[in-house]
């Protein structure tokens, strides 16, 4: 299948069904066995990431409002503009001609003249952004981010951090691994990767690797269960939990299981980990992952983390990595930023309820870690503050809370806080 048609097909499905980009992309590419996967991925993610910018550019050359265009035409135009303005290795002639061909193949030949004319005008002119580079309008257009979200970043973290967050939201995220120290040492796996033509570098926390070059999933090391994928921020969060051999640990919202795997490795596969999730089909991801890694201390159970159960044991350590808006991982799931965030008020209540429920299972002097992959204080500091106000037997441990930012810490946007019980 033609790469641009494949990208069009994926983009149209994401837009129409409000689907997650990563899941849709992986599913279609796996089914179609695309020959030029990097190009398709770059085009799909690029169009989603830059949608507001692309529409701003298009609006300068259209005689009608964008919302009046057929969705198929708008998708093709966005793809064309992205190739012309943001993909240096794509010749303008290819971007224009292939876009015209694509719209004709969709049975929309009547729009081919429009596509040809608009894209040629786009190619012949520079992008003219708003003049005030500190204004919210400029930031929205330059970094393709809705106004409410830009304003939220500025309110919570200041203009400089907001700009840093926005810049990194358009960058390619690093691929970070967690070494399975139950099977291999960090030094040994680095050597083994070299033998298989993969370049990795070590970093903090100990046991973390950043992939510089090569496909780690085509190696024998993956099949042998020598590592799993986990961002540095998540690894640092587990370090804050301080799991040790023999602990009883509750992972309240566990799927797909990456944090539970790291906990098990730090526990040297000795003790008990209860991994809960609301949906049973997601627990299978934990079971299969644990099997590949050689971990046998994880017990998966379908549970609603916001509710209390009489049969859950008291624990030494509890992790509440709660459902959140995902505003710290936009560069991995760019469609997140276009959501209506009016639901966050209800979400913070859920987060608070999960934290309260988990607190009931903690042993005296135990450790409870609350975390999100969000960069919104309402989901982070404010939930923690509310929890402490209503749980006088808990206190926050020194050095917390921690907020990690992509432009400063080279991680996903992430928040975690650690509590103890008297």
Protein backbone atom coordinates (compact mmCIF):
# COMPACT_ATOMS: atom_id res chain seq x y z
CA UNK A 1 0.00 0.00 0.00
CA UNK A 2 1.25 3.50 -0.85
CA UNK A 3 2.85 5.15 2.20
CA UNK A 4 0.94 8.42 1.89
CA UNK A 5 -2.35 6.63 1.46
CA UNK A 6 -1.54 4.55 4.53
CA UNK A 7 -0.77 7.70 6.53
CA UNK A 8 -4.00 9.27 5.25
CA UNK A 9 -5.96 6.18 6.27
CA UNK A 10 -4.51 6.28 9.79
CA UNK A 11 -5.01 10.04 10.22
CA UNK A 12 -8.59 9.90 8.99
CA UNK A 13 -9.41 7.08 11.43
CA UNK A 14 -7.82 8.94 14.36
CA UNK A 15 -9.76 12.10 13.51
CA UNK A 16 -13.06 10.32 12.86
CA UNK A 17 -12.99 7.89 15.79
CA UNK A 18 -11.04 10.07 18.26
CA UNK A 19 -8.68 7.11 18.55
CA UNK A 20 -5.26 7.04 20.21
CA UNK A 21 -2.55 7.70 17.66
CA UNK A 22 -0.05 5.14 18.95
CA UNK A 23 -2.56 2.29 19.11
CA UNK A 24 -4.09 3.05 15.70
CA UNK A 25 -0.69 3.48 14.07
CA UNK A 26 0.72 0.25 15.48
CA UNK A 27 -2.41 -1.70 14.58
CA UNK A 28 -2.56 -0.53 10.97
CA UNK A 29 1.17 -0.86 10.36
CA UNK A 30 1.18 -4.37 11.76
CA UNK A 31 -1.74 -5.33 9.53
CA UNK A 32 -0.43 -3.68 6.37
CA UNK A 33 3.27 -4.52 6.84
CA UNK A 34 4.29 -1.10 5.51
CA UNK A 35 7.58 -0.90 3.64
CA UNK A 36 8.52 2.60 4.79
CA UNK A 37 7.30 2.63 8.37
CA UNK A 38 9.51 5.53 9.59
CA UNK A 39 8.07 7.85 6.93
CA UNK A 40 4.49 6.87 7.77
CA UNK A 41 5.09 7.34 11.50
CA UNK A 42 6.76 10.71 10.99
CA UNK A 43 3.94 11.96 8.76
CA UNK A 44 1.13 10.74 11.01
CA UNK A 45 2.60 12.06 14.25
CA UNK A 46 3.73 15.26 12.58
CA UNK A 47 0.28 16.12 11.25
CA UNK A 48 -1.35 15.44 14.62
CA UNK A 49 1.31 17.38 16.54
CA UNK A 50 1.14 20.40 14.24
CA UNK A 51 -2.59 20.44 13.49
CA UNK A 52 -3.24 23.96 14.82
CA UNK A 53 -0.17 25.30 12.99
CA UNK A 54 -1.15 23.55 9.76
CA UNK A 55 -4.69 24.92 9.90
CA UNK A 56 -3.31 28.40 10.59
CA UNK A 57 -1.14 28.16 7.48
CA UNK A 58 -3.98 26.78 5.36
CA UNK A 59 -6.37 29.52 6.45
CA UNK A 60 -4.16 32.09 4.72
CA UNK A 61 -4.77 30.47 1.34
CA UNK A 62 -8.40 29.35 1.55
CA UNK A 63 -11.38 31.46 0.54
CA UNK A 64 -13.67 29.49 2.85
CA UNK A 65 -13.41 28.54 6.54
CA UNK A 66 -11.54 25.31 7.21
CA UNK A 67 -14.57 23.77 8.93
CA UNK A 68 -16.44 23.85 5.59
CA UNK A 69 -13.92 21.58 3.88
CA UNK A 70 -14.72 17.91 3.55
CA UNK A 71 -12.75 15.98 6.21
CA UNK A 72 -11.00 13.99 3.48
CA UNK A 73 -9.83 17.16 1.75
CA UNK A 74 -8.66 18.75 4.99
CA UNK A 75 -6.67 15.63 5.90
CA UNK A 76 -4.89 15.61 2.54
CA UNK A 77 -4.16 19.34 2.77
CA UNK A 78 -2.72 19.00 6.26
CA UNK A 79 -0.50 16.15 5.08
CA UNK A 80 0.68 18.23 2.12
CA UNK A 81 1.49 21.29 4.21
CA UNK A 82 3.34 19.23 6.78
CA UNK A 83 5.52 17.63 4.11
CA UNK A 84 6.29 21.01 2.54
CA UNK A 85 7.05 22.95 5.72
CA UNK A 86 8.31 20.38 8.19
CA UNK A 87 9.82 17.43 6.27
CA UNK A 88 13.08 18.67 4.77
CA UNK A 89 13.80 15.53 2.76
CA UNK A 90 10.48 15.59 0.85
CA UNK A 91 10.70 17.54 -2.44
CA UNK A 92 7.94 20.13 -2.84
CA UNK A 93 6.96 18.60 -6.18
CA UNK A 94 6.43 15.20 -4.53
CA UNK A 95 4.39 16.69 -1.69
CA UNK A 96 2.10 18.55 -4.12
CA UNK A 97 1.77 15.92 -6.82
CA UNK A 98 1.23 13.03 -4.43
CA UNK A 99 -1.41 15.03 -2.55
CA UNK A 100 -3.30 15.67 -5.78
CA UNK A 101 -3.04 12.00 -6.66
CA UNK A 102 -4.25 11.02 -3.19
CA UNK A 103 -7.36 13.22 -3.30
CA UNK A 104 -8.25 11.88 -6.76
CA UNK A 105 -7.92 8.31 -5.50
CA UNK A 106 -10.49 9.11 -2.80
CA UNK A 107 -13.05 9.85 -5.53
CA UNK A 108 -12.78 13.59 -4.91
CA UNK A 109 -11.33 14.78 -8.21
CA UNK A 110 -13.37 17.99 -7.93
CA UNK A 111 -11.04 19.05 -5.10
CA UNK A 112 -7.78 18.30 -6.93
CA UNK A 113 -7.50 21.83 -8.29
CA UNK A 114 -7.95 23.29 -4.81
CA UNK A 115 -5.32 20.97 -3.33
CA UNK A 116 -2.85 21.76 -6.10
CA UNK A 117 -3.37 25.54 -5.90
CA UNK A 118 -3.25 25.83 -2.10
CA UNK A 119 -0.18 23.66 -1.66
CA UNK A 120 1.75 25.53 -4.37
CA UNK A 121 0.97 28.81 -2.61
CA UNK A 122 2.07 27.34 0.71
CA UNK A 123 5.34 26.21 -0.87
CA UNK A 124 6.02 29.66 -2.29
CA UNK A 125 5.64 31.59 0.96
CA UNK A 126 7.22 31.60 4.43
CA UNK A 127 5.12 31.03 7.54
CA UNK A 128 4.13 34.34 9.12
CA UNK A 129 3.57 33.84 12.83
CA UNK A 130 2.07 36.50 15.15
CA UNK A 131 4.70 39.13 15.99
CA UNK A 132 4.66 38.93 19.80
CA UNK A 133 6.59 35.74 20.60
CA UNK A 134 5.57 35.90 24.28
CA UNK A 135 1.85 36.14 23.55
CA UNK A 136 -0.52 33.25 24.12
CA UNK A 137 -1.66 33.53 20.50
CA UNK A 138 1.90 33.06 19.22
CA UNK A 139 2.54 30.10 21.52
CA UNK A 140 -0.73 28.44 20.47
CA UNK A 141 0.11 28.69 16.77
CA UNK A 142 3.87 28.16 16.92
CA UNK A 143 3.61 25.04 19.09
CA UNK A 144 0.17 23.87 17.94
CA UNK A 145 -1.40 23.91 21.39
CA UNK A 146 -4.94 24.99 22.37
CA UNK A 147 -5.23 28.26 24.28
CA UNK A 148 -6.62 26.77 27.54
CA UNK A 149 -3.67 24.38 27.78
CA UNK A 150 -1.08 27.09 27.06
CA UNK A 151 -2.67 29.26 29.75
CA UNK A 152 -2.70 26.33 32.18
CA UNK A 153 1.04 25.70 31.71
CA UNK A 154 1.81 29.40 32.22
CA UNK A 155 -0.41 29.61 35.33
CA UNK A 156 1.09 26.51 36.93
CA UNK A 157 4.76 26.79 35.97
CA UNK A 158 5.46 30.27 34.58
CA UNK A 159 6.08 31.43 31.00
CA UNK A 160 9.64 30.08 30.66
CA UNK A 161 8.71 26.57 31.74
CA UNK A 162 5.55 26.70 29.63
CA UNK A 163 7.62 27.48 26.53
CA UNK A 164 10.04 24.67 27.41
CA UNK A 165 7.18 22.20 27.80
CA UNK A 166 5.64 23.31 24.50
CA UNK A 167 8.93 23.04 22.60
CA UNK A 168 9.63 19.51 23.81
CA UNK A 169 6.03 18.46 23.06
CA UNK A 170 7.01 18.56 19.37
CA UNK A 171 10.20 16.56 19.79
CA UNK A 172 10.72 12.83 19.31
CA UNK A 173 10.66 11.20 22.77
CA UNK A 174 13.59 9.01 23.81
CA UNK A 175 13.23 5.24 23.98
CA UNK A 176 14.29 4.21 27.48
CA UNK A 177 14.72 0.67 28.80
CA UNK A 178 14.83 -0.91 32.22
CA UNK A 179 17.38 -3.70 32.56
CA UNK A 180 15.99 -6.89 34.06
CA UNK A 181 18.63 -7.38 36.74
CA UNK A 182 17.09 -10.73 37.64
CA UNK A 183 18.66 -12.10 34.46
CA UNK A 184 21.55 -9.86 33.44
CA UNK A 185 23.71 -6.99 34.68
CA UNK A 186 23.77 -3.53 33.11
CA UNK A 187 27.34 -4.03 31.92
CA UNK A 188 26.53 -7.37 30.34
CA UNK A 189 23.46 -6.13 28.46
CA UNK A 190 25.34 -3.14 27.04
CA UNK A 191 27.92 -5.55 25.62
CA UNK A 192 25.21 -7.85 24.25
CA UNK A 193 23.44 -4.95 22.55
CA UNK A 194 26.70 -3.97 20.87
CA UNK A 195 27.01 -7.49 19.47
CA UNK A 196 23.54 -7.14 17.95
CA UNK A 197 24.23 -3.72 16.43
CA UNK A 198 22.25 -1.66 18.95
CA UNK A 199 23.77 1.42 20.60
CA UNK A 200 22.63 2.25 24.14
CA UNK A 201 23.90 4.55 26.87
CA UNK A 202 23.55 4.15 30.63
CA UNK A 203 21.97 6.83 32.80
CA UNK A 204 20.33 7.42 36.17
CA UNK A 205 18.64 5.75 37.88
CA UNK A 206 20.91 2.71 37.87
CA UNK A 207 19.50 0.07 35.53
CA UNK A 208 18.19 2.53 32.95
CA UNK A 209 19.35 2.60 29.32
CA UNK A 210 18.60 5.10 26.56
CA UNK A 211 18.52 3.66 23.04
CA UNK A 212 20.61 5.74 20.65
CA UNK A 213 20.38 3.57 17.53
CA UNK A 214 18.96 0.23 16.44
CA UNK A 215 15.79 -1.83 16.89
CA UNK A 216 15.87 -3.40 20.36
CA UNK A 217 12.75 -5.46 19.71
CA UNK A 218 14.39 -7.46 16.92
CA UNK A 219 17.12 -8.66 19.26
CA UNK A 220 17.39 -11.95 21.11
CA UNK A 221 17.71 -9.89 24.30
CA UNK A 222 14.06 -8.87 24.09
CA UNK A 223 12.90 -12.44 23.55
CA UNK A 224 14.99 -13.58 26.52
CA UNK A 225 13.35 -11.01 28.78
CA UNK A 226 16.47 -9.00 29.52
CA UNK A 227 14.64 -5.65 29.56
CA UNK A 228 11.33 -3.85 29.30
CA UNK A 229 10.47 -0.37 28.05
CA UNK A 230 10.03 2.27 30.76
CA UNK A 231 10.61 6.01 30.73
CA UNK A 232 13.14 7.44 33.18
CA UNK A 233 10.40 9.30 35.03
CA UNK A 234 8.60 6.06 35.86
CA UNK A 235 11.84 4.47 36.98
CA UNK A 236 12.55 7.41 39.29
CA UNK A 237 9.04 7.08 40.69
CA UNK A 238 9.68 3.43 41.60
CA UNK A 239 12.98 4.43 43.22
CA UNK A 240 10.93 6.74 45.46
CA UNK A 241 8.82 3.75 46.53
CA UNK A 242 11.99 1.99 47.83
CA UNK A 243 10.80 -1.62 47.43
CA UNK A 244 13.04 -4.28 49.00
CA UNK A 245 13.11 -8.08 49.10
CA UNK A 246 10.27 -9.58 51.10
CA UNK A 247 7.94 -6.57 50.87
CA UNK A 248 4.23 -6.82 50.29
CA UNK A 249 3.44 -4.24 47.61
CA UNK A 250 0.16 -3.02 46.14
CA UNK A 251 0.16 -1.51 42.64
CA UNK A 252 -3.30 0.03 42.59
CA UNK A 253 -3.60 0.91 38.86
CA UNK A 254 -1.03 -1.45 37.42
CA UNK A 255 -1.64 -2.13 33.72
CA UNK A 256 0.25 -2.43 31.46
CA UNK A 257 2.67 -3.42 34.21
CA UNK A 258 5.97 -1.63 33.64
CA UNK A 259 6.17 -0.25 37.15
CA UNK A 260 5.26 -3.61 38.70
CA UNK A 261 8.06 -5.26 36.73
CA UNK A 262 10.63 -2.76 38.02
CA UNK A 263 9.33 -3.19 41.57
CA UNK A 264 9.71 -6.97 41.26
CA UNK A 265 13.27 -6.65 39.97
CA UNK A 266 14.25 -4.33 42.84
CA UNK A 267 12.67 -6.86 45.22
CA UNK A 268 14.84 -9.57 43.63
CA UNK A 269 11.66 -11.47 42.82
CA UNK A 270 11.11 -12.13 46.54
CA UNK A 271 7.92 -11.04 48.32
CA UNK A 272 4.44 -10.30 46.99
CA UNK A 273 3.13 -7.76 44.49
CA UNK A 274 -0.61 -7.35 43.98
CA UNK A 275 -1.29 -5.72 40.63
CA UNK A 276 -4.82 -4.34 40.31
CA UNK A 277 -6.64 -2.95 37.32
CA UNK A 278 -10.25 -2.12 36.54
CA UNK A 279 -10.23 -4.07 33.26
CA UNK A 280 -9.39 -7.76 33.19
CA UNK A 281 -8.16 -7.72 29.57
CA UNK A 282 -5.41 -5.26 30.59
CA UNK A 283 -4.20 -7.63 33.27
CA UNK A 284 -3.20 -10.10 30.57
CA UNK A 285 -0.53 -7.60 29.49
CA UNK A 286 0.98 -7.82 32.97
CA UNK A 287 0.82 -11.62 33.05
CA UNK A 288 2.49 -12.02 29.65
CA UNK A 289 5.12 -9.40 30.43
CA UNK A 290 5.97 -10.99 33.78
CA UNK A 291 6.31 -14.39 32.11
CA UNK A 292 8.75 -13.02 29.53
CA UNK A 293 10.81 -11.36 32.26
CA UNK A 294 10.83 -14.41 34.52
CA UNK A 295 8.92 -12.69 37.34
CA UNK A 296 6.64 -14.88 39.46
CA UNK A 297 5.73 -12.72 42.49
CA UNK A 298 3.07 -10.61 40.74
CA UNK A 299 -0.55 -11.53 41.39
CA UNK A 300 -3.02 -9.80 39.07
CA UNK A 301 -6.59 -9.11 40.15
CA UNK A 302 -9.47 -7.12 38.69
CA UNK A 303 -10.26 -4.37 41.19
CA UNK A 304 -11.66 -0.85 41.23
CA UNK A 305 -8.88 1.11 42.94
CA UNK A 306 -11.29 3.80 44.11
CA UNK A 307 -13.22 1.32 46.24
CA UNK A 308 -12.28 -0.46 49.46
CA UNK A 309 -12.13 -4.23 49.83
CA UNK A 310 -11.90 -6.35 52.95
CA UNK A 311 -9.68 -9.05 51.41
CA UNK A 312 -6.76 -6.88 50.29
CA UNK A 313 -3.77 -7.40 52.62
CA UNK A 314 -1.96 -4.64 54.46
CA UNK A 315 1.14 -3.59 52.55
CA UNK A 316 4.62 -2.28 53.25
CA UNK A 317 4.62 -0.21 50.06
CA UNK A 318 1.78 1.06 47.88
CA UNK A 319 1.94 2.69 44.46
CA UNK A 320 -0.97 4.84 43.25
CA UNK A 321 -0.11 5.69 39.65
CA UNK A 322 -3.57 7.08 39.03
CA UNK A 323 -5.53 7.71 35.80
CA UNK A 324 -4.75 11.25 34.66
CA UNK A 325 -5.05 13.71 31.79
CA UNK A 326 -1.68 12.62 30.36
CA UNK A 327 -0.48 16.18 29.87
CA UNK A 328 3.10 15.11 30.55
CA UNK A 329 3.25 12.64 27.65
CA UNK A 330 1.89 14.75 24.80
CA UNK A 331 4.94 14.05 22.65
CA UNK A 332 4.01 10.34 22.80
CA UNK A 333 0.25 10.86 22.37
CA UNK A 334 -0.16 14.26 20.66
CA UNK A 335 -3.93 13.99 20.28
CA UNK A 336 -4.24 14.40 24.07
CA UNK A 337 -3.71 18.16 23.86
CA UNK A 338 -6.83 18.67 21.74
CA UNK A 339 -9.17 17.22 24.37
CA UNK A 340 -11.72 19.27 26.24
CA UNK A 341 -10.25 19.33 29.73
CA UNK A 342 -13.53 20.11 31.44
CA UNK A 343 -13.47 16.55 32.77
CA UNK A 344 -10.47 17.20 35.01
CA UNK A 345 -12.62 18.24 38.00
CA UNK A 346 -14.19 14.77 38.03
CA UNK A 347 -10.81 13.20 37.38
CA UNK A 348 -9.25 14.83 40.43
CA UNK A 349 -12.04 13.43 42.58
CA UNK A 350 -11.25 9.96 41.23
CA UNK A 351 -7.54 10.47 41.89
CA UNK A 352 -8.26 11.58 45.43
CA UNK A 353 -10.59 8.63 46.05
CA UNK A 354 -7.96 6.15 44.82
CA UNK A 355 -5.36 7.70 47.11
CA UNK A 356 -7.75 7.53 50.08
CA UNK A 357 -8.67 3.90 49.38
CA UNK A 358 -5.03 2.90 49.06
CA UNK A 359 -4.15 4.60 52.34
CA UNK A 360 -6.40 2.17 54.21
CA UNK A 361 -4.11 -0.74 53.23
CA UNK A 362 -0.80 0.76 54.35
CA UNK A 363 1.01 -0.64 57.38
CA UNK A 364 2.24 1.80 60.04
CA UNK A 365 5.55 3.36 58.91
CA UNK A 366 4.89 2.08 55.41
CA UNK A 367 5.45 4.12 52.23
CA UNK A 368 2.76 5.31 49.83
CA UNK A 369 3.67 6.90 46.48
CA UNK A 370 1.16 8.93 44.46
CA UNK A 371 2.04 9.63 40.83
CA UNK A 372 0.68 10.96 37.53
CA UNK A 373 2.04 11.59 34.05
CA UNK A 374 0.36 15.00 34.10
CA UNK A 375 1.73 18.52 34.27
CA UNK A 376 -1.28 20.11 35.87
CA UNK A 377 -1.15 21.13 39.52
CA UNK A 378 -4.85 20.40 40.03
CA UNK A 379 -4.04 16.70 39.50
CA UNK A 380 -0.81 16.79 41.44
CA UNK A 381 -0.04 19.14 44.34
CA UNK A 382 -3.69 19.96 44.95
CA UNK A 383 -4.72 16.30 45.27
CA UNK A 384 -1.84 15.72 47.71
CA UNK A 385 -2.79 18.78 49.75
CA UNK A 386 -6.41 17.62 49.97
CA UNK A 387 -5.27 14.16 51.04
CA UNK A 388 -3.05 15.45 53.85
CA UNK A 389 -5.74 17.80 55.12
CA UNK A 390 -8.10 14.86 55.58
CA UNK A 391 -5.60 12.20 56.73
CA UNK A 392 -3.80 13.53 59.78
CA UNK A 393 -2.05 10.20 60.37
CA UNK A 394 -0.12 10.65 57.12
CA UNK A 395 2.76 13.00 56.35
CA UNK A 396 4.77 13.74 53.23
CA UNK A 397 8.35 12.50 53.27
CA UNK A 398 11.22 14.96 52.91
CA UNK A 399 12.31 15.77 49.38
CA UNK A 400 8.81 15.43 47.94
CA UNK A 401 6.81 16.20 45.90
CA UNK A 402 8.84 15.94 42.67
CA UNK A 403 7.79 17.37 39.31
CA UNK A 404 9.79 16.22 36.28
CA UNK A 405 9.68 18.28 33.08
CA UNK A 406 10.81 17.13 29.62
CA UNK A 407 12.85 20.25 28.85
CA UNK A 408 14.69 20.14 32.18
CA UNK A 409 14.93 16.49 33.17
CA UNK A 410 14.99 14.72 29.77
CA UNK A 411 12.06 12.57 30.88
CA UNK A 412 8.33 12.50 30.31
CA UNK A 413 6.38 15.10 32.25
CA UNK A 414 5.72 13.39 35.56
CA UNK A 415 4.78 14.02 39.19
CA UNK A 416 5.23 11.88 42.29
CA UNK A 417 4.97 12.34 46.03
CA UNK A 418 5.81 9.94 48.85
CA UNK A 419 3.86 9.66 52.11
CA UNK A 420 4.30 7.67 55.29
CA UNK A 421 1.83 6.59 57.95
CA UNK A 422 2.36 7.10 61.67
